[in-house]
Each structure stands twice: as C-alpha cells, then as structure tokens.
C-alpha cells in the first residue's frame, strides 16, 4: 500500500513507543539495591508483581539445587523454609532440608525407572563461584517485591560468600530503606560487619538496634519469632565476651534462654562466664582495725 497512510502509521507507532518509554522510565538493575518500587514493574504488574517475585525466589532455589526440585506432580511439596539456602552442613536446617528433598523415593515401575534416566535425580547444591548463578533471580525478586525479607538476607549471604562485601552492604541497606527497622536485616548487617569487616563497634551498634526493634515488635505480637531473638542475643553475647564485657554477655545469654530450643547449653555457658567473671574480680581489701 502506497501513500501517506503507512507513514502515518509508523509515526503513530513511534509516538506510542516514545510515550511508553517516558512513562516506564527503564533503568538497569544493579546490586546497589535502589529498588524503584514505584517504577516500571509496579506500574505494569501492580500487586500481582509479588507473585512473580515469589516465583523468581523459587527459581533461585531451583538453580541452587542444579534443577533437582519437587515438581507439581511430586507427592512431596517444595520446602517452604528458605533457611537451607544459607545453612551449613550439619546444622538442623540443613538436615531437615535433606529429609524434605528426598521426595522421589524408589521408582514404582519400570517405566518410571527408565524415565529417570532423562531427569536430574541427584540432590546437589551449587558451591563456590557457581553460587553466583542464583543472584540474578534474587535481584529480580527484590525488585518486584521489596518487602520480601528473605530475598535480601539470602542474597547478602551469598554476596558475602563470594567476597562482594560492598555489594552485600548496599543490598542490605536497600532492604532497610524498604523495610525500616527490620530486625532480620539488621542482624544480617551486623554479621557482615562482625564476620567480614571485623568491625566490632559497628556490629555491636547494629545488633543492639536489632534487639531493640525485636523487643518493640514482640510487644505488639502475641507469638513473636523467638528464633530471631535467639540469633541476635547469642551473637551479641559472643561479641561482648570477646570484647571483655562479661556482665553484658551474661545478661544477653540469660535473655536468649527464653528463646533457644537448647537452654541447657546456654546455662552452662552462663555458668562458665560467671566463673570467669568471679576470677577477674579482685577480692575485697581487709578492713583496718
């Protein structure tokens, strides 16, 4: 077709693309974590973006397992607890995860046995530098749902493992901007300062803030998450013990006995610290007669 009509159509299409571009305002996704929560993805997807965010997080879990993951046709449900993504071998979370991931079981017939030759049937985890493969999925999940706390904590853990400490700090700060005062993010930030930057002062300040925020949140809840209190108090107590403040360490361990599943072990540590404190305390001078 000749004439001015095709040109007008092209001009109209060009104008529409330009208008859409000015509305969406695209920008690159970077690990600085400055999530544009009011930007393109929110405008296009609305509240449904959280569904996509969860799917991207699950995809990170699938990638972490090299594709070995329960499908909708498996009897076992996909693990809902995400702590295995940062758990070390031998920890309770890792052992429970191993049990949950034994979902295939023995083949029921020769057809299923033959079909498994074409499937991933070995439960493995990404290690070393290969773990970076899960980071793009976590980044997209955080972009779509900035209130999904586990996205920040898992991403920060693996960024720290890969030696990307500044990126981990930036990403956690972005999480705190989107979720002010969240004690999980504050705890993870304290771990970064303590374990990686070896900055005891900043770690103490952040963990003290996490403890205050947990206490404030617990007062407003009927069933607060005691595992968070356990992590914060125990790690802060170890820091105080290392820095020589034994009374504060004892106080924190006594607080943690409210939350830990193994209070006997903490009580033994408290007794040891009390003995150490007593040995450091000089005996009172005899009164003059």
Protein backbone atom coordinates (compact mmCIF):
# COMPACT_ATOMS: atom_id res chain seq x y z
CA UNK A 1 0.00 0.00 0.00
CA UNK A 2 1.36 3.35 -1.06
CA UNK A 3 0.59 6.86 0.01
CA UNK A 4 0.70 8.75 3.31
CA UNK A 5 -1.19 6.16 5.39
CA UNK A 6 1.82 3.84 6.06
CA UNK A 7 3.92 6.83 7.09
CA UNK A 8 1.21 7.98 9.48
CA UNK A 9 1.03 4.51 10.99
CA UNK A 10 4.78 4.46 11.51
CA UNK A 11 4.69 7.90 13.10
CA UNK A 12 1.83 6.85 15.37
CA UNK A 13 3.71 3.72 16.42
CA UNK A 14 6.87 5.75 17.06
CA UNK A 15 4.94 8.26 19.18
CA UNK A 16 3.35 5.44 21.17
CA UNK A 17 6.74 3.84 21.86
CA UNK A 18 8.18 7.17 22.95
CA UNK A 19 5.25 7.84 25.27
CA UNK A 20 5.53 4.36 26.81
CA UNK A 21 9.26 4.84 27.32
CA UNK A 22 8.76 8.13 29.14
CA UNK A 23 6.14 6.54 31.42
CA UNK A 24 8.05 3.39 32.25
CA UNK A 25 11.44 5.11 32.71
CA UNK A 26 13.58 1.97 32.42
CA UNK A 27 16.87 1.67 34.23
CA UNK A 28 19.42 -1.14 34.74
CA UNK A 29 19.12 -3.50 37.69
CA UNK A 30 22.27 -3.25 39.78
CA UNK A 31 23.33 -4.65 43.15
CA UNK A 32 23.18 -1.26 44.77
CA UNK A 33 19.66 -2.35 45.56
CA UNK A 34 17.98 1.01 44.92
CA UNK A 35 14.71 -0.67 44.01
CA UNK A 36 12.39 1.64 42.14
CA UNK A 37 9.29 0.41 43.94
CA UNK A 38 7.13 2.93 42.13
CA UNK A 39 8.69 2.38 38.72
CA UNK A 40 8.09 0.28 35.67
CA UNK A 41 7.42 -3.12 37.17
CA UNK A 42 4.95 -1.82 39.76
CA UNK A 43 3.05 0.15 37.15
CA UNK A 44 2.87 -2.73 34.73
CA UNK A 45 2.14 -5.57 37.17
CA UNK A 46 0.50 -3.89 40.15
CA UNK A 47 0.10 -6.06 43.24
CA UNK A 48 0.50 -9.22 41.15
CA UNK A 49 4.23 -8.50 41.00
CA UNK A 50 4.57 -10.25 44.37
CA UNK A 51 3.51 -13.50 42.74
CA UNK A 52 6.28 -13.08 40.18
CA UNK A 53 8.72 -12.15 42.95
CA UNK A 54 7.97 -15.40 44.77
CA UNK A 55 8.40 -17.35 41.54
CA UNK A 56 11.80 -15.75 40.94
CA UNK A 57 12.81 -16.63 44.51
CA UNK A 58 11.73 -20.23 43.93
CA UNK A 59 13.72 -20.24 40.69
CA UNK A 60 16.79 -19.17 42.68
CA UNK A 61 16.17 -22.19 44.94
CA UNK A 62 15.82 -24.46 41.88
CA UNK A 63 19.07 -23.11 40.47
CA UNK A 64 20.76 -23.63 43.83
CA UNK A 65 19.80 -27.32 43.58
CA UNK A 66 21.02 -27.58 39.97
CA UNK A 67 17.49 -28.31 38.80
CA UNK A 68 16.69 -31.04 41.34
CA UNK A 69 13.44 -29.78 42.83
CA UNK A 70 9.91 -31.08 43.54
CA UNK A 71 7.51 -30.55 40.69
CA UNK A 72 3.75 -30.15 40.95
CA UNK A 73 3.45 -33.85 40.16
CA UNK A 74 5.59 -34.99 43.09
CA UNK A 75 3.87 -36.02 46.28
CA UNK A 76 6.23 -34.04 48.49
CA UNK A 77 5.69 -30.31 48.49
CA UNK A 78 8.50 -27.91 47.82
CA UNK A 79 10.21 -26.82 51.05
CA UNK A 80 8.71 -23.61 52.39
CA UNK A 81 11.54 -22.94 54.84
CA UNK A 82 14.23 -21.00 52.99
CA UNK A 83 16.88 -21.19 55.73
CA UNK A 84 18.55 -24.11 53.93
CA UNK A 85 19.81 -21.60 51.36
CA UNK A 86 22.18 -20.21 53.98
CA UNK A 87 22.53 -23.22 56.32
CA UNK A 88 25.83 -25.02 56.68
CA UNK A 89 26.25 -28.78 56.59
CA UNK A 90 25.36 -30.38 59.93
CA UNK A 91 23.04 -27.59 61.07
CA UNK A 92 19.43 -28.58 61.91
CA UNK A 93 18.06 -26.57 58.98
CA UNK A 94 20.35 -28.42 56.57
CA UNK A 95 19.41 -31.84 57.97
CA UNK A 96 15.69 -31.07 57.78
CA UNK A 97 16.17 -29.87 54.23
CA UNK A 98 17.87 -33.13 53.25
CA UNK A 99 14.85 -35.01 54.58
CA UNK A 100 12.40 -32.81 52.67
CA UNK A 101 14.33 -33.16 49.41
CA UNK A 102 14.11 -36.96 49.46
CA UNK A 103 10.87 -36.69 47.53
CA UNK A 104 11.45 -39.08 44.63
CA UNK A 105 11.67 -42.34 46.54
CA UNK A 106 12.18 -45.64 44.71
CA UNK A 107 10.69 -45.94 41.20
CA UNK A 108 7.25 -47.51 41.18
CA UNK A 109 7.63 -49.43 37.93
CA UNK A 110 10.00 -49.99 35.02
CA UNK A 111 8.52 -47.02 33.11
CA UNK A 112 9.38 -44.60 35.89
CA UNK A 113 12.80 -46.22 36.31
CA UNK A 114 13.51 -45.71 32.62
CA UNK A 115 12.20 -42.15 32.64
CA UNK A 116 14.59 -41.14 35.43
CA UNK A 117 17.49 -41.59 33.03
CA UNK A 118 16.33 -38.34 31.43
CA UNK A 119 15.80 -36.39 34.70
CA UNK A 120 18.03 -34.81 37.32
CA UNK A 121 17.78 -37.28 40.20
CA UNK A 122 20.75 -36.27 42.37
CA UNK A 123 20.38 -33.72 45.17
CA UNK A 124 23.33 -31.34 44.91
CA UNK A 125 24.00 -27.69 45.80
CA UNK A 126 25.92 -25.06 43.92
CA UNK A 127 29.29 -24.41 45.50
CA UNK A 128 32.00 -21.79 45.26
CA UNK A 129 31.75 -19.35 42.39
CA UNK A 130 28.84 -21.25 40.82
CA UNK A 131 26.57 -19.85 43.53
CA UNK A 132 26.57 -16.54 41.64
CA UNK A 133 24.03 -18.13 39.29
CA UNK A 134 21.24 -17.60 41.82
CA UNK A 135 21.93 -13.88 42.25
CA UNK A 136 20.05 -12.61 39.14
CA UNK A 137 16.89 -14.39 40.31
CA UNK A 138 17.20 -12.87 43.78
CA UNK A 139 17.81 -9.44 42.32
CA UNK A 140 14.64 -9.63 40.22
CA UNK A 141 12.67 -10.94 43.21
CA UNK A 142 13.76 -7.98 45.32
CA UNK A 143 12.88 -5.58 42.52
CA UNK A 144 9.37 -7.00 42.25
CA UNK A 145 8.67 -7.32 45.98
CA UNK A 146 10.87 -5.05 48.15
CA UNK A 147 9.11 -6.32 51.29
CA UNK A 148 10.25 -9.93 50.83
CA UNK A 149 12.86 -10.02 53.60
CA UNK A 150 14.39 -13.42 52.82
CA UNK A 151 15.42 -12.18 49.38
CA UNK A 152 17.78 -9.64 50.96
CA UNK A 153 19.18 -11.99 53.61
CA UNK A 154 19.85 -14.85 51.19
CA UNK A 155 21.38 -12.55 48.57
CA UNK A 156 23.58 -10.85 51.20
CA UNK A 157 24.77 -14.23 52.46
CA UNK A 158 25.91 -15.34 49.03
CA UNK A 159 27.38 -11.97 48.15
CA UNK A 160 29.45 -12.21 51.33
CA UNK A 161 30.46 -15.76 50.42
CA UNK A 162 31.64 -14.54 47.03
CA UNK A 163 33.66 -11.72 48.61
CA UNK A 164 31.36 -8.97 47.30
CA UNK A 165 31.17 -7.22 50.66
CA UNK A 166 30.33 -3.72 49.45
CA UNK A 167 27.54 -5.10 47.26
CA UNK A 168 26.18 -7.06 50.21
CA UNK A 169 26.17 -3.95 52.38
CA UNK A 170 24.46 -1.87 49.68
CA UNK A 171 21.81 -4.51 49.14
CA UNK A 172 21.06 -4.80 52.86
CA UNK A 173 20.83 -1.02 53.14
CA UNK A 174 18.31 -1.05 50.30
CA UNK A 175 16.34 -3.66 52.21
CA UNK A 176 16.36 -1.46 55.30
CA UNK A 177 15.18 1.53 53.28
CA UNK A 178 12.25 -0.52 52.05
CA UNK A 179 11.70 -2.17 55.46
CA UNK A 180 12.85 0.33 58.12
CA UNK A 181 13.97 -1.22 61.39
CA UNK A 182 13.55 -4.85 60.30
CA UNK A 183 15.46 -6.91 62.87
CA UNK A 184 16.34 -9.71 60.40
CA UNK A 185 18.06 -7.26 58.07
CA UNK A 186 19.78 -5.54 60.99
CA UNK A 187 21.04 -8.90 62.24
CA UNK A 188 22.43 -9.76 58.80
CA UNK A 189 24.08 -6.34 58.59
CA UNK A 190 25.71 -6.99 61.97
CA UNK A 191 27.06 -10.31 60.72
CA UNK A 192 28.57 -8.53 57.75
CA UNK A 193 30.35 -6.00 59.99
CA UNK A 194 31.45 -8.61 62.52
CA UNK A 195 32.48 -11.56 60.33
CA UNK A 196 33.66 -9.81 57.18
CA UNK A 197 34.64 -6.23 58.01
CA UNK A 198 35.81 -7.21 61.53
CA UNK A 199 34.33 -4.00 62.88
CA UNK A 200 33.14 -4.94 66.38
CA UNK A 201 31.89 -1.44 67.19
CA UNK A 202 29.56 -1.17 64.22
CA UNK A 203 28.43 -4.77 64.64
CA UNK A 204 27.53 -4.10 68.27
CA UNK A 205 25.56 -0.97 67.40
CA UNK A 206 23.60 -2.72 64.67
CA UNK A 207 22.85 -5.80 66.79
CA UNK A 208 21.76 -3.62 69.71
CA UNK A 209 19.40 -1.85 67.32
CA UNK A 210 18.13 -5.23 66.10
CA UNK A 211 17.47 -6.29 69.69
CA UNK A 212 15.53 -3.09 70.40
CA UNK A 213 13.46 -3.48 67.23
CA UNK A 214 12.70 -7.13 68.05
CA UNK A 215 11.57 -6.14 71.54
CA UNK A 216 9.32 -3.39 70.16
CA UNK A 217 7.80 -5.75 67.60
CA UNK A 218 7.38 -8.54 70.17
CA UNK A 219 5.37 -6.28 72.44
CA UNK A 220 2.83 -5.84 69.65
CA UNK A 221 2.61 -9.56 68.78
CA UNK A 222 1.07 -12.47 70.62
CA UNK A 223 3.51 -15.01 69.17
CA UNK A 224 6.81 -13.27 68.30
CA UNK A 225 9.52 -15.13 66.38
CA UNK A 226 11.78 -16.31 69.20
CA UNK A 227 14.39 -17.71 66.78
CA UNK A 228 15.28 -14.14 65.82
CA UNK A 229 15.80 -13.24 69.49
CA UNK A 230 17.99 -16.32 69.92
CA UNK A 231 20.23 -15.37 66.98
CA UNK A 232 20.57 -11.73 67.94
CA UNK A 233 21.18 -12.26 71.67
CA UNK A 234 23.63 -15.16 71.28
CA UNK A 235 25.75 -13.47 68.61
CA UNK A 236 25.79 -10.20 70.53
CA UNK A 237 26.76 -12.08 73.71
CA UNK A 238 29.70 -13.71 71.93
CA UNK A 239 30.83 -10.33 70.70
CA UNK A 240 30.62 -8.83 74.19
CA UNK A 241 32.52 -11.78 75.65
CA UNK A 242 35.25 -11.33 73.05
CA UNK A 243 35.42 -7.62 73.87
CA UNK A 244 35.69 -8.36 77.60
CA UNK A 245 32.26 -7.17 78.76
CA UNK A 246 31.33 -10.34 80.64
CA UNK A 247 28.37 -8.90 82.63
CA UNK A 248 26.66 -7.82 79.40
CA UNK A 249 27.42 -11.18 77.79
CA UNK A 250 25.83 -13.00 80.74
CA UNK A 251 22.79 -10.74 80.57
CA UNK A 252 22.33 -11.45 76.86
CA UNK A 253 22.71 -15.21 77.25
CA UNK A 254 20.12 -15.19 80.02
CA UNK A 255 17.81 -13.36 77.64
CA UNK A 256 18.48 -15.96 74.95
CA UNK A 257 17.43 -18.81 77.26
CA UNK A 258 13.84 -17.61 76.70
CA UNK A 259 14.10 -18.37 73.01
CA UNK A 260 16.61 -21.16 72.40
CA UNK A 261 15.47 -24.76 71.88
CA UNK A 262 18.51 -25.87 73.94
CA UNK A 263 18.57 -23.72 77.11
CA UNK A 264 20.78 -26.20 79.00
CA UNK A 265 23.75 -25.44 76.73
CA UNK A 266 23.31 -21.71 77.29
CA UNK A 267 23.07 -22.16 81.05
CA UNK A 268 26.39 -24.00 81.01
CA UNK A 269 27.92 -21.09 79.10
CA UNK A 270 26.44 -18.65 81.60
CA UNK A 271 27.98 -20.59 84.49
CA UNK A 272 31.36 -20.59 82.76
CA UNK A 273 31.20 -16.83 82.21
CA UNK A 274 30.19 -16.24 85.83
CA UNK A 275 33.19 -18.27 87.00
CA UNK A 276 35.46 -16.31 84.69
CA UNK A 277 33.99 -13.04 85.96
CA UNK A 278 34.47 -14.10 89.57
CA UNK A 279 38.10 -14.95 88.87
CA UNK A 280 38.65 -11.50 87.40
CA UNK A 281 37.01 -9.66 90.31
CA UNK A 282 39.61 -8.72 92.92
CA UNK A 283 38.95 -9.81 96.48
CA UNK A 284 37.84 -7.00 98.82
CA UNK A 285 40.60 -5.50 100.91
CA UNK A 286 40.50 -6.36 104.64
CA UNK A 287 39.06 -3.68 106.87
CA UNK A 288 41.53 -1.77 109.03
CA UNK A 289 41.16 -2.37 112.75
